[in-house]
Amino acid sequence: DFHFVSNVVEANILASTKDCQSGVVLNCACNEKTTVNQLVKELNAILDKNITPEYTEPRAGEVKESCAAIERAKMELGYFPQVNFKDGLRKTAEWYMQSGK
């Protein structure tokens, strides 16, 4: 599950204003399952490129799919991601292009 930095900031601000039990672990994410292939496809569209993935044998322990469960963060903090995957990726790419990175 990919997510944009402002979502993480928002979750931390919410956590700092709530009276939560100490040591509670909450996932902060977009709650959208996105594959690396989808990531490449979106980057190609944003950057007007034709990046082609190179596939190799999976490494031991490599995660094929991941989607963070954010229900507890919603319940405990009122957290809802404000920036979805595609918008966050676009904003990230724009920042890198403008910053000369």
N, C-alpha and C. Protein backbone atom coordinates (compact mmCIF):
# COMPACT_ATOMS: atom_id res chain seq x y z
N ASP A 1 0.86 -1.18 0.00
CA ASP A 1 0.00 0.00 0.00
C ASP A 1 0.90 1.23 0.00
N PHE A 2 0.86 1.99 -1.07
CA PHE A 2 1.64 3.22 -1.16
C PHE A 2 0.80 4.36 -0.58
N HIS A 3 1.46 5.34 -0.01
CA HIS A 3 0.71 6.49 0.49
C HIS A 3 1.56 7.74 0.42
N PHE A 4 0.88 8.88 0.46
CA PHE A 4 1.52 10.18 0.30
C PHE A 4 1.86 10.77 1.66
N VAL A 5 2.95 11.50 1.72
CA VAL A 5 3.48 12.00 2.98
C VAL A 5 2.47 12.85 3.76
N SER A 6 1.64 13.62 3.09
CA SER A 6 0.69 14.46 3.83
C SER A 6 -0.34 13.62 4.57
N ASN A 7 -0.62 12.40 4.08
CA ASN A 7 -1.50 11.50 4.82
C ASN A 7 -0.86 11.08 6.14
N VAL A 8 0.43 10.83 6.11
CA VAL A 8 1.17 10.45 7.32
C VAL A 8 1.19 11.61 8.31
N VAL A 9 1.42 12.80 7.80
CA VAL A 9 1.42 14.00 8.65
C VAL A 9 0.05 14.17 9.30
N GLU A 10 -1.00 14.03 8.51
CA GLU A 10 -2.36 14.16 9.04
C GLU A 10 -2.63 13.14 10.13
N ALA A 11 -2.22 11.89 9.92
CA ALA A 11 -2.43 10.85 10.93
C ALA A 11 -1.68 11.18 12.22
N ASN A 12 -0.46 11.71 12.10
CA ASN A 12 0.30 12.08 13.29
C ASN A 12 -0.33 13.25 14.03
N ILE A 13 -0.84 14.21 13.30
CA ILE A 13 -1.53 15.34 13.93
C ILE A 13 -2.77 14.84 14.66
N LEU A 14 -3.54 13.99 14.02
CA LEU A 14 -4.72 13.41 14.67
C LEU A 14 -4.32 12.65 15.93
N ALA A 15 -3.27 11.85 15.84
CA ALA A 15 -2.82 11.07 16.99
C ALA A 15 -2.38 11.96 18.15
N SER A 16 -1.82 13.12 17.83
CA SER A 16 -1.36 14.02 18.89
C SER A 16 -2.51 14.74 19.59
N THR A 17 -3.68 14.71 18.98
CA THR A 17 -4.83 15.42 19.57
C THR A 17 -5.86 14.49 20.20
N LYS A 18 -5.63 13.18 20.11
CA LYS A 18 -6.58 12.20 20.64
C LYS A 18 -6.05 11.60 21.93
N ASP A 19 -6.95 11.18 22.77
CA ASP A 19 -6.59 10.50 24.01
C ASP A 19 -6.63 8.99 23.75
N CYS A 20 -5.54 8.47 23.20
CA CYS A 20 -5.46 7.06 22.84
C CYS A 20 -4.62 6.31 23.86
N GLN A 21 -4.85 5.02 23.90
CA GLN A 21 -4.05 4.15 24.75
C GLN A 21 -2.60 4.18 24.26
N SER A 22 -1.66 4.26 25.18
CA SER A 22 -0.24 4.29 24.83
C SER A 22 0.18 2.97 24.19
N GLY A 23 1.02 3.06 23.18
CA GLY A 23 1.58 1.88 22.53
C GLY A 23 0.70 1.25 21.47
N VAL A 24 -0.43 1.85 21.17
CA VAL A 24 -1.31 1.32 20.13
C VAL A 24 -0.67 1.54 18.77
N VAL A 25 -0.66 0.49 17.95
CA VAL A 25 -0.09 0.58 16.61
C VAL A 25 -1.23 0.73 15.61
N LEU A 26 -1.15 1.78 14.80
CA LEU A 26 -2.18 2.05 13.79
C LEU A 26 -1.53 2.18 12.43
N ASN A 27 -2.14 1.60 11.42
CA ASN A 27 -1.65 1.74 10.06
C ASN A 27 -2.14 3.05 9.46
N CYS A 28 -1.23 3.72 8.79
CA CYS A 28 -1.56 4.94 8.07
C CYS A 28 -1.24 4.68 6.61
N ALA A 29 -2.26 4.62 5.76
CA ALA A 29 -2.05 4.29 4.36
C ALA A 29 -3.26 4.75 3.56
N CYS A 30 -3.21 4.53 2.26
CA CYS A 30 -4.33 4.90 1.40
C CYS A 30 -5.42 3.84 1.38
N ASN A 31 -5.07 2.63 1.82
CA ASN A 31 -6.01 1.53 1.84
C ASN A 31 -6.42 1.15 0.42
N GLU A 32 -5.45 1.22 -0.51
CA GLU A 32 -5.65 0.84 -1.91
C GLU A 32 -4.57 -0.18 -2.28
N LYS A 33 -4.97 -1.34 -2.73
CA LYS A 33 -3.97 -2.32 -3.18
C LYS A 33 -3.43 -1.86 -4.52
N THR A 34 -2.12 -1.68 -4.59
CA THR A 34 -1.47 -1.21 -5.82
C THR A 34 -0.25 -2.08 -6.08
N THR A 35 -0.16 -2.65 -7.25
CA THR A 35 1.00 -3.47 -7.60
C THR A 35 2.14 -2.59 -8.10
N VAL A 36 3.33 -3.14 -8.11
CA VAL A 36 4.47 -2.41 -8.66
C VAL A 36 4.25 -2.17 -10.16
N ASN A 37 3.60 -3.11 -10.84
CA ASN A 37 3.28 -2.91 -12.26
C ASN A 37 2.36 -1.70 -12.44
N GLN A 38 1.38 -1.54 -11.54
CA GLN A 38 0.51 -0.36 -11.60
C GLN A 38 1.30 0.91 -11.33
N LEU A 39 2.24 0.83 -10.40
CA LEU A 39 3.11 1.98 -10.11
C LEU A 39 3.87 2.40 -11.36
N VAL A 40 4.45 1.44 -12.06
CA VAL A 40 5.20 1.74 -13.29
C VAL A 40 4.27 2.34 -14.34
N LYS A 41 3.08 1.77 -14.49
CA LYS A 41 2.11 2.28 -15.47
C LYS A 41 1.75 3.73 -15.17
N GLU A 42 1.50 4.04 -13.91
CA GLU A 42 1.15 5.41 -13.52
C GLU A 42 2.32 6.37 -13.72
N LEU A 43 3.53 5.92 -13.37
CA LEU A 43 4.71 6.77 -13.60
C LEU A 43 4.91 7.05 -15.08
N ASN A 44 4.71 6.03 -15.91
CA ASN A 44 4.82 6.23 -17.35
C ASN A 44 3.83 7.29 -17.83
N ALA A 45 2.61 7.23 -17.34
CA ALA A 45 1.60 8.21 -17.74
C ALA A 45 1.96 9.62 -17.25
N ILE A 46 2.40 9.71 -16.01
CA ILE A 46 2.73 11.02 -15.42
C ILE A 46 3.94 11.65 -16.12
N LEU A 47 4.96 10.83 -16.35
CA LEU A 47 6.23 11.33 -16.90
C LEU A 47 6.31 11.26 -18.42
N ASP A 48 5.27 10.73 -19.05
CA ASP A 48 5.26 10.53 -20.49
C ASP A 48 6.49 9.72 -20.91
N LYS A 49 6.67 8.59 -20.24
CA LYS A 49 7.80 7.69 -20.47
C LYS A 49 7.27 6.32 -20.86
N ASN A 50 8.20 5.44 -21.18
CA ASN A 50 7.85 4.05 -21.46
C ASN A 50 8.82 3.15 -20.70
N ILE A 51 8.78 3.25 -19.37
CA ILE A 51 9.63 2.42 -18.52
C ILE A 51 9.10 0.99 -18.62
N THR A 52 10.01 0.06 -18.88
CA THR A 52 9.63 -1.35 -18.97
C THR A 52 10.24 -2.09 -17.78
N PRO A 53 9.40 -2.73 -16.98
CA PRO A 53 9.95 -3.47 -15.83
C PRO A 53 10.83 -4.63 -16.27
N GLU A 54 11.83 -4.92 -15.47
CA GLU A 54 12.67 -6.10 -15.68
C GLU A 54 12.27 -7.10 -14.61
N TYR A 55 11.83 -8.27 -15.02
CA TYR A 55 11.38 -9.29 -14.09
C TYR A 55 12.49 -10.29 -13.79
N THR A 56 12.67 -10.60 -12.54
CA THR A 56 13.63 -11.61 -12.10
C THR A 56 12.91 -12.57 -11.15
N GLU A 57 13.63 -13.56 -10.71
CA GLU A 57 13.05 -14.50 -9.76
C GLU A 57 12.80 -13.78 -8.43
N PRO A 58 11.67 -14.07 -7.78
CA PRO A 58 11.39 -13.42 -6.49
C PRO A 58 12.44 -13.82 -5.45
N ARG A 59 12.72 -12.87 -4.55
CA ARG A 59 13.64 -13.15 -3.45
C ARG A 59 12.87 -13.79 -2.30
N ALA A 60 13.56 -14.53 -1.50
CA ALA A 60 12.93 -15.18 -0.34
C ALA A 60 12.32 -14.12 0.58
N GLY A 61 11.07 -14.32 0.95
CA GLY A 61 10.39 -13.39 1.86
C GLY A 61 9.80 -12.17 1.19
N GLU A 62 9.95 -12.06 -0.13
CA GLU A 62 9.43 -10.89 -0.84
C GLU A 62 7.90 -10.88 -0.79
N VAL A 63 7.33 -9.73 -0.51
CA VAL A 63 5.88 -9.58 -0.42
C VAL A 63 5.33 -9.33 -1.82
N LYS A 64 4.34 -10.13 -2.23
CA LYS A 64 3.77 -9.97 -3.56
C LYS A 64 2.67 -8.92 -3.57
N GLU A 65 1.89 -8.87 -2.52
CA GLU A 65 0.79 -7.91 -2.41
C GLU A 65 0.74 -7.37 -0.99
N SER A 66 0.35 -6.13 -0.87
CA SER A 66 0.20 -5.54 0.46
C SER A 66 -0.88 -4.47 0.40
N CYS A 67 -1.73 -4.48 1.38
CA CYS A 67 -2.75 -3.44 1.51
C CYS A 67 -3.00 -3.25 3.00
N ALA A 68 -2.57 -2.14 3.52
CA ALA A 68 -2.68 -1.89 4.95
C ALA A 68 -4.13 -1.72 5.38
N ALA A 69 -4.48 -2.35 6.47
CA ALA A 69 -5.81 -2.20 7.06
C ALA A 69 -5.81 -0.93 7.92
N ILE A 70 -6.67 0.02 7.58
CA ILE A 70 -6.68 1.29 8.30
C ILE A 70 -7.94 1.49 9.15
N GLU A 71 -8.72 0.42 9.30
CA GLU A 71 -9.97 0.54 10.04
C GLU A 71 -9.76 1.04 11.46
N ARG A 72 -8.71 0.55 12.13
CA ARG A 72 -8.47 0.98 13.51
C ARG A 72 -8.09 2.46 13.57
N ALA A 73 -7.30 2.92 12.61
CA ALA A 73 -6.95 4.35 12.57
C ALA A 73 -8.19 5.20 12.31
N LYS A 74 -9.09 4.70 11.48
CA LYS A 74 -10.35 5.41 11.25
C LYS A 74 -11.14 5.51 12.55
N MET A 75 -11.22 4.38 13.25
CA MET A 75 -12.01 4.32 14.47
C MET A 75 -11.36 5.13 15.60
N GLU A 76 -10.07 4.95 15.83
CA GLU A 76 -9.38 5.59 16.96
C GLU A 76 -9.11 7.08 16.73
N LEU A 77 -8.78 7.43 15.48
CA LEU A 77 -8.33 8.79 15.19
C LEU A 77 -9.27 9.59 14.30
N GLY A 78 -10.17 8.90 13.62
CA GLY A 78 -10.96 9.59 12.60
C GLY A 78 -10.12 9.82 11.36
N TYR A 79 -9.11 8.95 11.13
CA TYR A 79 -8.19 9.10 10.01
C TYR A 79 -8.83 8.60 8.70
N PHE A 80 -8.80 9.43 7.70
CA PHE A 80 -9.18 9.06 6.34
C PHE A 80 -8.15 9.70 5.42
N PRO A 81 -7.50 8.92 4.56
CA PRO A 81 -6.48 9.50 3.67
C PRO A 81 -7.09 10.57 2.78
N GLN A 82 -6.42 11.71 2.72
CA GLN A 82 -6.91 12.83 1.92
C GLN A 82 -6.37 12.81 0.49
N VAL A 83 -5.20 12.16 0.31
CA VAL A 83 -4.56 12.11 -1.01
C VAL A 83 -4.47 10.65 -1.44
N ASN A 84 -5.10 10.31 -2.57
CA ASN A 84 -5.06 8.92 -3.04
C ASN A 84 -3.73 8.62 -3.73
N PHE A 85 -3.55 7.36 -4.08
CA PHE A 85 -2.29 6.90 -4.66
C PHE A 85 -1.89 7.69 -5.91
N LYS A 86 -2.81 7.80 -6.88
CA LYS A 86 -2.46 8.46 -8.14
C LYS A 86 -2.12 9.93 -7.94
N ASP A 87 -2.90 10.64 -7.13
CA ASP A 87 -2.62 12.05 -6.89
C ASP A 87 -1.31 12.23 -6.13
N GLY A 88 -1.07 11.35 -5.16
CA GLY A 88 0.18 11.42 -4.41
C GLY A 88 1.39 11.16 -5.27
N LEU A 89 1.27 10.19 -6.17
CA LEU A 89 2.38 9.89 -7.08
C LEU A 89 2.63 11.07 -8.02
N ARG A 90 1.56 11.66 -8.53
CA ARG A 90 1.70 12.83 -9.41
C ARG A 90 2.38 13.98 -8.66
N LYS A 91 1.94 14.25 -7.43
CA LYS A 91 2.53 15.34 -6.64
C LYS A 91 4.00 15.05 -6.34
N THR A 92 4.32 13.80 -6.07
CA THR A 92 5.71 13.43 -5.80
C THR A 92 6.57 13.64 -7.04
N ALA A 93 6.09 13.18 -8.19
CA ALA A 93 6.84 13.35 -9.44
C ALA A 93 7.04 14.83 -9.76
N GLU A 94 6.00 15.64 -9.58
CA GLU A 94 6.11 17.08 -9.82
C GLU A 94 7.15 17.70 -8.90
N TRP A 95 7.16 17.30 -7.63
CA TRP A 95 8.13 17.85 -6.68
C TRP A 95 9.55 17.50 -7.12
N TYR A 96 9.78 16.23 -7.50
CA TYR A 96 11.12 15.83 -7.94
C TYR A 96 11.54 16.59 -9.19
N MET A 97 10.64 16.77 -10.14
CA MET A 97 10.99 17.50 -11.36
C MET A 97 11.30 18.96 -11.07
N GLN A 98 10.54 19.59 -10.17
CA GLN A 98 10.78 21.00 -9.83
C GLN A 98 12.01 21.20 -8.99
N SER A 99 12.35 20.19 -8.17
CA SER A 99 13.49 20.36 -7.27
C SER A 99 14.81 19.99 -7.94
N GLY A 100 14.76 19.44 -9.16
CA GLY A 100 15.97 19.09 -9.87
C GLY A 100 16.62 17.82 -9.35
N LYS A 101 15.86 17.02 -8.66
CA LYS A 101 16.42 15.77 -8.11
C LYS A 101 16.59 14.74 -9.18
